[in-house]
Structure formats: structure tokens, C-alpha cells
Amino acid sequence: MTNNNKMTADQLLKAIDEMDNGERIKLFKILAVKHYGRELTIEEIAKLNYEAMYGNEDE
């Protein structure tokens, strides 16, 4: 995707929804390192997977 053709947040979320679970986890790990400076723990990954499957109970 070129800079002239940027994705919207909704387009990005749709693309994430269309990923298989392994690719989604890979993306989360990359984003965690890039934006938070660390890799996710296995517990954090498990929580993200649970919330992706069943929703977030806090909402």
C-alpha cells in the first residue's frame, strides 16, 4: 500500500478480521514491540485470543 492510498481504521480492522489466527498473533507481537517496546507475554496473547473469540467482559 502506497502513501497515496492509506487505509482507514475500519479497513484495517476488516483486514485483521480476515487474517488467520497465527497471522493476527504475529501482527499483535509486532505492534507490541513497535508501540510498547516489548513483546507480549503468553498470558497477554491468551487474553487477546479469548477476547477475539468471546468479546471483552469489561465492555
N, C-alpha and C. Protein backbone atom coordinates (compact mmCIF):
# COMPACT_ATOMS: atom_id res chain seq x y z
N MET A 1 0.86 -1.18 0.00
CA MET A 1 0.00 0.00 0.00
C MET A 1 0.90 1.24 0.00
N THR A 2 0.66 2.13 -0.91
CA THR A 2 1.48 3.34 -1.01
C THR A 2 0.95 4.42 -0.09
N ASN A 3 1.76 5.45 0.14
CA ASN A 3 1.34 6.56 0.99
C ASN A 3 0.14 7.29 0.41
N ASN A 4 -0.04 7.24 -0.90
CA ASN A 4 -1.18 7.91 -1.53
C ASN A 4 -2.48 7.14 -1.34
N ASN A 5 -2.39 5.91 -0.89
CA ASN A 5 -3.55 5.05 -0.75
C ASN A 5 -3.58 4.48 0.67
N LYS A 6 -3.77 5.34 1.65
CA LYS A 6 -3.74 4.93 3.05
C LYS A 6 -5.03 4.21 3.43
N MET A 7 -4.91 3.27 4.37
CA MET A 7 -6.07 2.54 4.87
C MET A 7 -6.73 3.34 5.98
N THR A 8 -8.03 3.21 6.07
CA THR A 8 -8.74 3.78 7.21
C THR A 8 -8.71 2.76 8.34
N ALA A 9 -9.06 3.19 9.54
CA ALA A 9 -9.11 2.28 10.68
C ALA A 9 -10.09 1.15 10.41
N ASP A 10 -11.24 1.46 9.82
CA ASP A 10 -12.23 0.42 9.52
C ASP A 10 -11.70 -0.59 8.51
N GLN A 11 -10.96 -0.12 7.51
CA GLN A 11 -10.37 -1.03 6.52
C GLN A 11 -9.33 -1.93 7.17
N LEU A 12 -8.54 -1.35 8.07
CA LEU A 12 -7.52 -2.13 8.76
C LEU A 12 -8.17 -3.19 9.65
N LEU A 13 -9.20 -2.82 10.37
CA LEU A 13 -9.90 -3.80 11.22
C LEU A 13 -10.51 -4.92 10.39
N LYS A 14 -11.05 -4.58 9.22
CA LYS A 14 -11.59 -5.61 8.34
C LYS A 14 -10.48 -6.56 7.89
N ALA A 15 -9.32 -6.00 7.54
CA ALA A 15 -8.19 -6.83 7.12
C ALA A 15 -7.74 -7.75 8.27
N ILE A 16 -7.71 -7.23 9.49
CA ILE A 16 -7.33 -8.04 10.65
C ILE A 16 -8.34 -9.15 10.86
N ASP A 17 -9.63 -8.83 10.73
CA ASP A 17 -10.68 -9.84 10.88
C ASP A 17 -10.52 -10.97 9.87
N GLU A 18 -10.00 -10.66 8.70
CA GLU A 18 -9.85 -11.65 7.64
C GLU A 18 -8.58 -12.48 7.77
N MET A 19 -7.68 -12.11 8.69
CA MET A 19 -6.44 -12.86 8.90
C MET A 19 -6.72 -14.16 9.64
N ASP A 20 -5.87 -15.17 9.40
CA ASP A 20 -5.98 -16.35 10.25
C ASP A 20 -5.35 -16.02 11.60
N ASN A 21 -5.65 -16.83 12.58
CA ASN A 21 -5.24 -16.53 13.95
C ASN A 21 -3.74 -16.37 14.10
N GLY A 22 -2.96 -17.20 13.42
CA GLY A 22 -1.50 -17.12 13.51
C GLY A 22 -0.97 -15.78 13.01
N GLU A 23 -1.51 -15.30 11.92
CA GLU A 23 -1.09 -14.01 11.38
C GLU A 23 -1.52 -12.87 12.30
N ARG A 24 -2.69 -12.99 12.90
CA ARG A 24 -3.17 -11.97 13.83
C ARG A 24 -2.24 -11.89 15.05
N ILE A 25 -1.84 -13.03 15.58
CA ILE A 25 -0.92 -13.05 16.72
C ILE A 25 0.42 -12.44 16.33
N LYS A 26 0.91 -12.78 15.15
CA LYS A 26 2.17 -12.21 14.65
C LYS A 26 2.06 -10.69 14.58
N LEU A 27 0.94 -10.18 14.07
CA LEU A 27 0.72 -8.74 13.98
C LEU A 27 0.71 -8.11 15.37
N PHE A 28 0.00 -8.73 16.33
CA PHE A 28 -0.04 -8.19 17.69
C PHE A 28 1.35 -8.12 18.31
N LYS A 29 2.17 -9.14 18.06
CA LYS A 29 3.52 -9.14 18.60
C LYS A 29 4.35 -8.01 18.00
N ILE A 30 4.24 -7.82 16.70
CA ILE A 30 4.98 -6.75 16.03
C ILE A 30 4.53 -5.39 16.55
N LEU A 31 3.22 -5.19 16.68
CA LEU A 31 2.70 -3.92 17.19
C LEU A 31 3.14 -3.67 18.63
N ALA A 32 3.15 -4.72 19.45
CA ALA A 32 3.56 -4.57 20.85
C ALA A 32 5.00 -4.08 20.93
N VAL A 33 5.88 -4.68 20.14
CA VAL A 33 7.29 -4.28 20.14
C VAL A 33 7.43 -2.86 19.60
N LYS A 34 6.74 -2.59 18.49
CA LYS A 34 6.88 -1.28 17.85
C LYS A 34 6.32 -0.15 18.72
N HIS A 35 5.18 -0.38 19.34
CA HIS A 35 4.50 0.71 20.05
C HIS A 35 4.70 0.70 21.56
N TYR A 36 5.02 -0.45 22.13
CA TYR A 36 5.18 -0.53 23.58
C TYR A 36 6.59 -0.93 24.00
N GLY A 37 7.43 -1.25 23.03
CA GLY A 37 8.82 -1.55 23.32
C GLY A 37 9.05 -2.91 23.96
N ARG A 38 8.09 -3.82 23.85
CA ARG A 38 8.28 -5.15 24.42
C ARG A 38 7.37 -6.15 23.73
N GLU A 39 7.73 -7.44 23.84
CA GLU A 39 6.88 -8.49 23.30
C GLU A 39 5.77 -8.81 24.29
N LEU A 40 4.67 -9.31 23.77
CA LEU A 40 3.57 -9.73 24.63
C LEU A 40 3.93 -11.02 25.35
N THR A 41 3.43 -11.17 26.56
CA THR A 41 3.61 -12.43 27.28
C THR A 41 2.60 -13.45 26.76
N ILE A 42 2.82 -14.71 27.06
CA ILE A 42 1.88 -15.75 26.64
C ILE A 42 0.50 -15.50 27.26
N GLU A 43 0.48 -14.97 28.47
CA GLU A 43 -0.80 -14.67 29.13
C GLU A 43 -1.54 -13.55 28.40
N GLU A 44 -0.80 -12.53 27.96
CA GLU A 44 -1.42 -11.44 27.22
C GLU A 44 -1.96 -11.92 25.87
N ILE A 45 -1.21 -12.79 25.21
CA ILE A 45 -1.66 -13.35 23.94
C ILE A 45 -2.92 -14.19 24.16
N ALA A 46 -2.92 -15.00 25.21
CA ALA A 46 -4.10 -15.83 25.52
C ALA A 46 -5.32 -14.95 25.78
N LYS A 47 -5.12 -13.85 26.51
CA LYS A 47 -6.23 -12.94 26.79
C LYS A 47 -6.75 -12.31 25.50
N LEU A 48 -5.85 -11.88 24.62
CA LEU A 48 -6.27 -11.31 23.34
C LEU A 48 -7.04 -12.33 22.50
N ASN A 49 -6.56 -13.58 22.51
CA ASN A 49 -7.27 -14.63 21.77
C ASN A 49 -8.66 -14.85 22.33
N TYR A 50 -8.76 -14.92 23.65
CA TYR A 50 -10.06 -15.12 24.29
C TYR A 50 -11.01 -13.97 23.95
N GLU A 51 -10.52 -12.75 24.07
CA GLU A 51 -11.36 -11.60 23.77
C GLU A 51 -11.76 -11.56 22.30
N ALA A 52 -10.88 -12.01 21.41
CA ALA A 52 -11.22 -12.06 19.99
C ALA A 52 -12.33 -13.07 19.72
N MET A 53 -12.31 -14.17 20.47
CA MET A 53 -13.31 -15.21 20.27
C MET A 53 -14.63 -14.92 20.98
N TYR A 54 -14.55 -14.38 22.21
CA TYR A 54 -15.74 -14.27 23.05
C TYR A 54 -16.10 -12.85 23.47
N GLY A 55 -15.30 -11.89 23.09
CA GLY A 55 -15.57 -10.50 23.48
C GLY A 55 -14.89 -10.16 24.79
N ASN A 56 -14.92 -8.88 25.11
CA ASN A 56 -14.29 -8.38 26.33
C ASN A 56 -15.35 -8.21 27.39
N GLU A 57 -15.20 -8.91 28.50
CA GLU A 57 -16.17 -8.84 29.59
C GLU A 57 -16.24 -7.48 30.25
N ASP A 58 -15.19 -6.67 30.09
CA ASP A 58 -15.15 -5.34 30.73
C ASP A 58 -15.99 -4.31 29.97
N GLU A 59 -16.39 -4.63 28.76
CA GLU A 59 -17.15 -3.67 27.95
C GLU A 59 -18.62 -3.87 28.11
